[in-house]
Amino acid sequence: MSNLATQTISGLDEMRSVLRTFIEHEVAFTINTDWPEVIEGGRLRSQYQLLRNKDMLSEDELKTCTKNAFAASFIKKPGIEAYL
């Protein structure tokens, strides 16, 4: 959402293109929150819903993003299911 809010990307079509390029080239990436109290739709659950509803990422691809985030974090938390 922050990329949309700051106009780093031009819109949902460009976001889809970037994400699909990452997938195509097997680039590991994560979905994160930036200023969720300031940016509308910035909460992680809202972001996942948008990505699913706009067919940008599949359920399995979102699970992979979450696994990537947990693998990259120094904070260990139980199970990823609560975040999907």
Protein backbone atom coordinates (compact mmCIF):
# COMPACT_ATOMS: atom_id res chain seq x y z
CA MET A 1 0.00 0.00 0.00
CA SER A 2 2.81 2.42 0.73
CA ASN A 3 4.05 1.97 -2.83
CA LEU A 4 0.61 3.04 -4.07
CA ALA A 5 0.27 5.85 -1.52
CA THR A 6 3.70 7.30 -2.36
CA GLN A 7 3.16 6.70 -6.09
CA THR A 8 6.29 4.56 -6.31
CA ILE A 9 4.13 2.50 -8.62
CA SER A 10 1.39 3.95 -10.80
CA GLY A 11 -1.44 1.66 -9.75
CA LEU A 12 -2.72 -1.87 -9.36
CA ASP A 13 -1.77 -2.90 -12.90
CA GLU A 14 1.86 -1.96 -12.31
CA MET A 15 1.80 -3.66 -8.91
CA ARG A 16 0.54 -6.86 -10.56
CA SER A 17 3.29 -6.60 -13.19
CA VAL A 18 6.02 -6.15 -10.57
CA LEU A 19 4.78 -9.05 -8.43
CA ARG A 20 4.37 -11.37 -11.42
CA THR A 21 7.93 -10.46 -12.55
CA PHE A 22 9.24 -11.40 -9.10
CA ILE A 23 7.40 -14.74 -9.31
CA GLU A 24 8.56 -15.40 -12.88
CA HIS A 25 12.20 -14.81 -11.95
CA GLU A 26 11.93 -16.66 -8.62
CA VAL A 27 12.79 -13.59 -6.55
CA ALA A 28 12.00 -14.15 -2.88
CA PHE A 29 9.91 -11.29 -1.51
CA THR A 30 7.59 -10.47 1.35
CA ILE A 31 4.46 -8.41 1.92
CA ASN A 32 4.92 -5.95 4.78
CA THR A 33 3.17 -3.05 6.44
CA ASP A 34 4.31 0.56 6.41
CA TRP A 35 2.52 3.05 8.62
CA PRO A 36 -0.72 1.02 8.89
CA GLU A 37 -2.16 3.71 11.14
CA VAL A 38 -1.62 6.34 8.42
CA ILE A 39 -2.00 4.55 5.08
CA GLU A 40 -5.53 3.39 4.28
CA GLY A 41 -5.54 -0.38 3.73
CA GLY A 42 -2.04 -0.63 5.20
CA ARG A 43 -2.80 -3.44 7.62
CA LEU A 44 -1.32 -6.77 6.55
CA ARG A 45 -4.68 -8.57 6.43
CA SER A 46 -6.07 -5.81 4.15
CA GLN A 47 -3.07 -6.09 1.87
CA TYR A 48 -3.44 -9.85 1.57
CA GLN A 49 -7.15 -9.46 0.78
CA LEU A 50 -6.39 -6.93 -1.95
CA LEU A 51 -3.71 -9.15 -3.50
CA ARG A 52 -6.06 -12.15 -3.48
CA ASN A 53 -9.16 -10.26 -4.66
CA LYS A 54 -7.32 -8.60 -7.54
CA ASP A 55 -5.74 -11.94 -8.57
CA MET A 56 -2.23 -10.58 -8.14
CA LEU A 57 -1.02 -13.48 -6.00
CA SER A 58 -2.47 -16.91 -5.36
CA GLU A 59 -3.08 -18.29 -1.89
CA ASP A 60 0.06 -20.43 -2.21
CA GLU A 61 2.14 -17.44 -3.34
CA LEU A 62 0.91 -15.42 -0.36
CA LYS A 63 1.84 -18.30 1.95
CA THR A 64 5.31 -18.33 0.40
CA CYS A 65 5.61 -14.56 1.02
CA THR A 66 4.72 -15.12 4.66
CA LYS A 67 7.19 -17.98 5.00
CA ASN A 68 9.86 -15.75 3.44
CA ALA A 69 9.08 -13.04 5.99
CA PHE A 70 9.34 -15.42 8.94
CA ALA A 71 12.57 -16.89 7.56
CA ALA A 72 14.09 -13.42 7.22
CA SER A 73 12.94 -12.23 10.66
CA PHE A 74 15.01 -12.50 13.78
CA ILE A 75 11.74 -12.68 15.74
CA LYS A 76 10.36 -16.21 15.89
CA LYS A 77 6.59 -16.57 16.15
CA PRO A 78 4.40 -19.64 16.18
CA GLY A 79 2.73 -20.69 12.91
CA ILE A 80 1.93 -18.47 9.96
CA GLU A 81 -1.72 -19.46 9.63
CA ALA A 82 -2.88 -16.63 11.90
CA TYR A 83 -1.49 -14.13 9.40
CA LEU A 84 -3.11 -15.51 6.26
